[in-house]
Amino acid sequence: MREALALINQVLDEALAEQESDFDPDSRWALAWFEQFGFAVAEYGEAEKLSKAKNTSVSGLVEAGIITSKAGKVRLLKPSELPDDWDSATDKRLTNWEMVHHLIRVLEAGGEGAAADLAAKLGAKAETARELCYRLYTLCERKKRAAEALSYNALVQSWPEITRLARESGKPRTQQEGLFEGSEP
């Protein structure tokens, strides 16, 4: 039984690693950093070394709004630390990592309806963000990071409702639907 589970986990890890090619370089860096350090502080040198391997830069990651880098220390920003006024349409360095964590921030603050509004703005990019979220949840489960897994799991579990609401918000209303607006049931 133990060998079968190990084999299943190996195959799952390989499949999820293949998905990483769908992610932008900043998000691949963040995923690798998160796997090692989570949201904890680590040395700038480690961040710089990893940035070279992932074809990005520490200054670019700061510009993307996904890390903080001060006094030789680096760490990923938590969803609660991201700006409330973020707009994906004007973000000059939009990343999958950023989309996932803004979706989490919005879901936790405003529920599925608010997350659906953001998902609708993201359009097709939201699906890649969902893939990354699932990857992060799996990583947290494997690393026994239950507290961090909760947020990713909440987004994954809410995804069907979020996408349904996003589709409905973008669907034009029929003339008949407009006739009954504001009337009592």
C-alpha atoms as a PDB file:
ATOM      1  CA  MET A   1       0.000   0.000   0.000  1.00  0.00           C
ATOM      2  CA  ARG A   2       2.792   2.429   0.931  1.00  0.00           C
ATOM      3  CA  GLU A   3       4.596   1.725  -2.372  1.00  0.00           C
ATOM      4  CA  ALA A   4       1.397   2.339  -4.341  1.00  0.00           C
ATOM      5  CA  LEU A   5       0.860   5.709  -2.645  1.00  0.00           C
ATOM      6  CA  ALA A   6       4.482   6.668  -3.299  1.00  0.00           C
ATOM      7  CA  LEU A   7       4.064   5.806  -6.975  1.00  0.00           C
ATOM      8  CA  ILE A   8       0.801   7.762  -7.212  1.00  0.00           C
ATOM      9  CA  ASN A   9       2.444  10.803  -5.605  1.00  0.00           C
ATOM     10  CA  GLN A  10       5.414  10.528  -7.969  1.00  0.00           C
ATOM     11  CA  VAL A  11       3.165  10.452 -11.044  1.00  0.00           C
ATOM     12  CA  LEU A  12       1.097  13.349  -9.667  1.00  0.00           C
ATOM     13  CA  ASP A  13       4.252  15.392  -9.020  1.00  0.00           C
ATOM     14  CA  GLU A  14       5.455  14.738 -12.579  1.00  0.00           C
ATOM     15  CA  ALA A  15       2.104  15.806 -14.047  1.00  0.00           C
ATOM     16  CA  LEU A  16       1.992  18.947 -11.926  1.00  0.00           C
ATOM     17  CA  ALA A  17       5.602  19.796 -12.797  1.00  0.00           C
ATOM     18  CA  GLU A  18       4.659  19.650 -16.494  1.00  0.00           C
ATOM     19  CA  GLN A  19       1.977  22.287 -15.814  1.00  0.00           C
ATOM     20  CA  GLU A  20       4.671  24.671 -14.600  1.00  0.00           C
ATOM     21  CA  SER A  21       5.620  25.388 -18.211  1.00  0.00           C
ATOM     22  CA  ASP A  22       2.245  27.193 -18.454  1.00  0.00           C
ATOM     23  CA  PHE A  23       3.354  29.657 -15.765  1.00  0.00           C
ATOM     24  CA  ASP A  24       5.343  32.840 -16.324  1.00  0.00           C
ATOM     25  CA  PRO A  25       8.986  32.963 -15.068  1.00  0.00           C
ATOM     26  CA  ASP A  26       8.078  35.081 -12.016  1.00  0.00           C
ATOM     27  CA  SER A  27       5.442  32.548 -10.964  1.00  0.00           C
ATOM     28  CA  ARG A  28       7.832  29.624 -11.502  1.00  0.00           C
ATOM     29  CA  TRP A  29      10.326  31.440  -9.256  1.00  0.00           C
ATOM     30  CA  ALA A  30       7.644  32.069  -6.624  1.00  0.00           C
ATOM     31  CA  LEU A  31       6.510  28.438  -6.718  1.00  0.00           C
ATOM     32  CA  ALA A  32      10.064  27.155  -6.196  1.00  0.00           C
ATOM     33  CA  TRP A  33      10.673  29.739  -3.436  1.00  0.00           C
ATOM     34  CA  PHE A  34       7.383  28.863  -1.748  1.00  0.00           C
ATOM     35  CA  GLU A  35       8.260  25.175  -1.829  1.00  0.00           C
ATOM     36  CA  GLN A  36      11.491  25.909   0.052  1.00  0.00           C
ATOM     37  CA  PHE A  37      10.515  28.779   2.356  1.00  0.00           C
ATOM     38  CA  GLY A  38       6.765  29.334   2.251  1.00  0.00           C
ATOM     39  CA  PHE A  39       6.064  32.929   3.269  1.00  0.00           C
ATOM     40  CA  ALA A  40       9.093  32.992   5.593  1.00  0.00           C
ATOM     41  CA  VAL A  41      12.051  35.356   5.236  1.00  0.00           C
ATOM     42  CA  ALA A  42      15.218  34.014   3.615  1.00  0.00           C
ATOM     43  CA  GLU A  43      18.539  35.357   2.343  1.00  0.00           C
ATOM     44  CA  TYR A  44      18.746  37.611  -0.709  1.00  0.00           C
ATOM     45  CA  GLY A  45      21.517  35.422  -2.139  1.00  0.00           C
ATOM     46  CA  GLU A  46      19.152  32.458  -2.310  1.00  0.00           C
ATOM     47  CA  ALA A  47      16.564  34.575  -4.114  1.00  0.00           C
ATOM     48  CA  GLU A  48      19.161  35.868  -6.574  1.00  0.00           C
ATOM     49  CA  LYS A  49      20.474  32.367  -7.336  1.00  0.00           C
ATOM     50  CA  LEU A  50      16.956  31.045  -7.926  1.00  0.00           C
ATOM     51  CA  SER A  51      16.056  34.067 -10.072  1.00  0.00           C
ATOM     52  CA  LYS A  52      18.912  33.251 -12.458  1.00  0.00           C
ATOM     53  CA  ALA A  53      17.680  29.665 -12.777  1.00  0.00           C
ATOM     54  CA  LYS A  54      14.101  30.825 -13.473  1.00  0.00           C
ATOM     55  CA  ASN A  55      15.036  33.586 -15.943  1.00  0.00           C
ATOM     56  CA  THR A  56      13.854  36.518 -13.847  1.00  0.00           C
ATOM     57  CA  SER A  57      15.346  38.993 -11.354  1.00  0.00           C
ATOM     58  CA  VAL A  58      14.765  39.932  -7.744  1.00  0.00           C
ATOM     59  CA  SER A  59      14.081  43.536  -8.736  1.00  0.00           C
ATOM     60  CA  GLY A  60      11.557  42.301 -11.309  1.00  0.00           C
ATOM     61  CA  LEU A  61       9.822  40.215  -8.662  1.00  0.00           C
ATOM     62  CA  VAL A  62       9.566  43.294  -6.434  1.00  0.00           C
ATOM     63  CA  GLU A  63       8.209  45.258  -9.424  1.00  0.00           C
ATOM     64  CA  ALA A  64       5.673  42.473 -10.044  1.00  0.00           C
ATOM     65  CA  GLY A  65       4.401  42.974  -6.497  1.00  0.00           C
ATOM     66  CA  ILE A  66       4.936  39.426  -5.262  1.00  0.00           C
ATOM     67  CA  ILE A  67       7.925  39.808  -2.927  1.00  0.00           C
ATOM     68  CA  THR A  68       9.505  42.237  -0.529  1.00  0.00           C
ATOM     69  CA  SER A  69      13.283  42.624  -0.495  1.00  0.00           C
ATOM     70  CA  LYS A  70      14.948  44.627   2.291  1.00  0.00           C
ATOM     71  CA  ALA A  71      18.252  44.535   4.145  1.00  0.00           C
ATOM     72  CA  GLY A  72      19.470  41.373   2.434  1.00  0.00           C
ATOM     73  CA  LYS A  73      16.240  39.479   3.170  1.00  0.00           C
ATOM     74  CA  VAL A  74      13.476  38.374   0.813  1.00  0.00           C
ATOM     75  CA  ARG A  75      10.000  36.945   1.307  1.00  0.00           C
ATOM     76  CA  LEU A  76       6.827  36.379  -0.648  1.00  0.00           C
ATOM     77  CA  LEU A  77       3.911  38.678   0.114  1.00  0.00           C
ATOM     78  CA  LYS A  78       0.868  37.045   1.688  1.00  0.00           C
ATOM     79  CA  PRO A  79      -2.554  37.624   0.105  1.00  0.00           C
ATOM     80  CA  SER A  80      -3.527  39.903   3.000  1.00  0.00           C
ATOM     81  CA  GLU A  81      -0.535  42.149   2.197  1.00  0.00           C
ATOM     82  CA  LEU A  82      -1.535  42.747  -1.417  1.00  0.00           C
ATOM     83  CA  PRO A  83      -3.086  46.098  -2.350  1.00  0.00           C
ATOM     84  CA  ASP A  84      -6.880  46.370  -2.360  1.00  0.00           C
ATOM     85  CA  ASP A  85      -6.786  48.721  -5.352  1.00  0.00           C
ATOM     86  CA  TRP A  86      -4.959  46.265  -7.640  1.00  0.00           C
ATOM     87  CA  ASP A  87      -6.192  46.232 -11.232  1.00  0.00           C
ATOM     88  CA  SER A  88      -5.099  43.385 -13.485  1.00  0.00           C
ATOM     89  CA  ALA A  89      -5.807  45.491 -16.577  1.00  0.00           C
ATOM     90  CA  THR A  90      -3.208  48.112 -15.638  1.00  0.00           C
ATOM     91  CA  ASP A  91      -0.650  45.758 -14.041  1.00  0.00           C
ATOM     92  CA  LYS A  92       2.502  46.089 -16.153  1.00  0.00           C
ATOM     93  CA  ARG A  93       3.961  42.787 -14.922  1.00  0.00           C
ATOM     94  CA  LEU A  94       0.962  40.529 -14.365  1.00  0.00           C
ATOM     95  CA  THR A  95       1.865  37.091 -12.993  1.00  0.00           C
ATOM     96  CA  ASN A  96      -0.064  33.894 -12.373  1.00  0.00           C
ATOM     97  CA  TRP A  97       1.182  33.984  -8.771  1.00  0.00           C
ATOM     98  CA  GLU A  98      -0.248  37.443  -8.284  1.00  0.00           C
ATOM     99  CA  MET A  99      -3.598  36.462  -9.805  1.00  0.00           C
ATOM    100  CA  VAL A 100      -3.950  33.456  -7.458  1.00  0.00           C
ATOM    101  CA  HIS A 101      -3.178  35.483  -4.367  1.00  0.00           C
ATOM    102  CA  HIS A 102      -5.434  38.388  -5.340  1.00  0.00           C
ATOM    103  CA  LEU A 103      -8.233  35.879  -5.987  1.00  0.00           C
ATOM    104  CA  ILE A 104      -7.636  34.470  -2.498  1.00  0.00           C
ATOM    105  CA  ARG A 105      -7.547  37.958  -0.963  1.00  0.00           C
ATOM    106  CA  VAL A 106     -10.802  38.921  -2.680  1.00  0.00           C
ATOM    107  CA  LEU A 107     -12.490  35.587  -1.868  1.00  0.00           C
ATOM    108  CA  GLU A 108     -11.592  35.910   1.819  1.00  0.00           C
ATOM    109  CA  ALA A 109     -12.681  39.551   1.990  1.00  0.00           C
ATOM    110  CA  GLY A 110     -15.774  39.555  -0.219  1.00  0.00           C
ATOM    111  CA  GLY A 111     -16.815  35.973  -0.931  1.00  0.00           C
ATOM    112  CA  GLU A 112     -17.451  34.097  -4.137  1.00  0.00           C
ATOM    113  CA  GLY A 113     -19.247  36.989  -5.829  1.00  0.00           C
ATOM    114  CA  ALA A 114     -16.269  39.299  -5.431  1.00  0.00           C
ATOM    115  CA  ALA A 115     -13.890  36.556  -6.581  1.00  0.00           C
ATOM    116  CA  ALA A 116     -16.155  35.974  -9.597  1.00  0.00           C
ATOM    117  CA  ASP A 117     -15.925  39.657 -10.535  1.00  0.00           C
ATOM    118  CA  LEU A 118     -12.134  39.414 -10.486  1.00  0.00           C
ATOM    119  CA  ALA A 119     -12.139  36.107 -12.382  1.00  0.00           C
ATOM    120  CA  ALA A 120     -14.329  37.711 -15.057  1.00  0.00           C
ATOM    121  CA  LYS A 121     -11.802  40.549 -15.420  1.00  0.00           C
ATOM    122  CA  LEU A 122      -8.961  38.032 -15.709  1.00  0.00           C
ATOM    123  CA  GLY A 123     -10.778  36.115 -18.433  1.00  0.00           C
ATOM    124  CA  ALA A 124      -8.938  33.037 -19.737  1.00  0.00           C
ATOM    125  CA  LYS A 125      -5.940  33.852 -17.518  1.00  0.00           C
ATOM    126  CA  ALA A 126      -8.029  32.823 -14.516  1.00  0.00           C
ATOM    127  CA  GLU A 127      -7.812  29.158 -15.567  1.00  0.00           C
ATOM    128  CA  THR A 128      -4.013  29.205 -15.411  1.00  0.00           C
ATOM    129  CA  ALA A 129      -4.300  30.828 -11.992  1.00  0.00           C
ATOM    130  CA  ARG A 130      -6.601  27.973 -10.926  1.00  0.00           C
ATOM    131  CA  GLU A 131      -3.989  25.450 -12.091  1.00  0.00           C
ATOM    132  CA  LEU A 132      -1.339  27.196 -10.007  1.00  0.00           C
ATOM    133  CA  CYS A 133      -3.664  27.299  -7.012  1.00  0.00           C
ATOM    134  CA  TYR A 134      -4.236  23.562  -7.246  1.00  0.00           C
ATOM    135  CA  ARG A 135      -0.461  23.044  -7.500  1.00  0.00           C
ATOM    136  CA  LEU A 136       0.065  25.189  -4.385  1.00  0.00           C
ATOM    137  CA  TYR A 137      -2.597  23.282  -2.472  1.00  0.00           C
ATOM    138  CA  THR A 138      -0.966  19.964  -3.371  1.00  0.00           C
ATOM    139  CA  LEU A 139       2.439  21.295  -2.351  1.00  0.00           C
ATOM    140  CA  CYS A 140       1.089  22.504   1.006  1.00  0.00           C
ATOM    141  CA  GLU A 141      -0.528  19.134   1.653  1.00  0.00           C
ATOM    142  CA  ARG A 142       2.717  17.305   0.884  1.00  0.00           C
ATOM    143  CA  LYS A 143       4.778  19.675   3.041  1.00  0.00           C
ATOM    144  CA  LYS A 144       2.238  19.514   5.922  1.00  0.00           C
ATOM    145  CA  ARG A 145       1.494  23.261   5.767  1.00  0.00           C
ATOM    146  CA  ALA A 146      -2.132  23.043   6.822  1.00  0.00           C
ATOM    147  CA  ALA A 147      -2.600  26.755   7.564  1.00  0.00           C
ATOM    148  CA  GLU A 148      -1.411  27.764   4.088  1.00  0.00           C
ATOM    149  CA  ALA A 149      -3.332  24.928   2.425  1.00  0.00           C
ATOM    150  CA  LEU A 150      -6.651  26.300   3.746  1.00  0.00           C
ATOM    151  CA  SER A 151      -6.630  29.376   1.517  1.00  0.00           C
ATOM    152  CA  TYR A 152      -5.680  27.427  -1.599  1.00  0.00           C
ATOM    153  CA  ASN A 153      -8.262  24.761  -0.830  1.00  0.00           C
ATOM    154  CA  ALA A 154     -10.960  27.401  -0.342  1.00  0.00           C
ATOM    155  CA  LEU A 155     -10.260  28.842  -3.791  1.00  0.00           C
ATOM    156  CA  VAL A 156     -10.123  25.398  -5.435  1.00  0.00           C
ATOM    157  CA  GLN A 157     -13.376  24.334  -3.745  1.00  0.00           C
ATOM    158  CA  SER A 158     -15.120  27.601  -4.664  1.00  0.00           C
ATOM    159  CA  TRP A 159     -13.902  27.574  -8.254  1.00  0.00           C
ATOM    160  CA  PRO A 160     -17.019  26.007  -9.850  1.00  0.00           C
ATOM    161  CA  GLU A 161     -19.258  28.634  -8.225  1.00  0.00           C
ATOM    162  CA  ILE A 162     -16.812  31.444  -9.011  1.00  0.00           C
ATOM    163  CA  THR A 163     -16.734  30.512 -12.693  1.00  0.00           C
ATOM    164  CA  ARG A 164     -20.522  30.125 -12.802  1.00  0.00           C
ATOM    165  CA  LEU A 165     -20.995  33.582 -11.295  1.00  0.00           C
ATOM    166  CA  ALA A 166     -18.325  35.062 -13.589  1.00  0.00           C
ATOM    167  CA  ARG A 167     -20.101  33.633 -16.642  1.00  0.00           C
ATOM    168  CA  GLU A 168     -23.451  34.983 -15.465  1.00  0.00           C
ATOM    169  CA  SER A 169     -22.048  38.439 -14.798  1.00  0.00           C
ATOM    170  CA  GLY A 170     -20.746  38.617 -18.365  1.00  0.00           C
ATOM    171  CA  LYS A 171     -23.903  37.221 -19.975  1.00  0.00           C
ATOM    172  CA  PRO A 172     -26.125  39.824 -21.637  1.00  0.00           C
ATOM    173  CA  ARG A 173     -29.645  39.942 -20.241  1.00  0.00           C
ATOM    174  CA  THR A 174     -32.593  39.257 -22.456  1.00  0.00           C
ATOM    175  CA  GLN A 175     -35.266  41.885 -22.962  1.00  0.00           C
ATOM    176  CA  GLN A 176     -37.734  39.694 -21.050  1.00  0.00           C
ATOM    177  CA  GLU A 177     -35.400  39.513 -18.015  1.00  0.00           C
ATOM    178  CA  GLY A 178     -35.251  43.319 -18.008  1.00  0.00           C
ATOM    179  CA  LEU A 179     -39.058  43.536 -17.879  1.00  0.00           C
ATOM    180  CA  PHE A 180     -39.180  41.852 -14.495  1.00  0.00           C
ATOM    181  CA  GLU A 181     -36.377  43.816 -12.894  1.00  0.00           C
ATOM    182  CA  GLY A 182     -37.523  45.407  -9.662  1.00  0.00           C
ATOM    183  CA  SER A 183     -40.883  43.611  -9.610  1.00  0.00           C
ATOM    184  CA  GLU A 184     -42.026  41.641  -6.597  1.00  0.00           C
ATOM    185  CA  PRO A 185     -41.978  37.807  -6.854  1.00  0.00           C
END
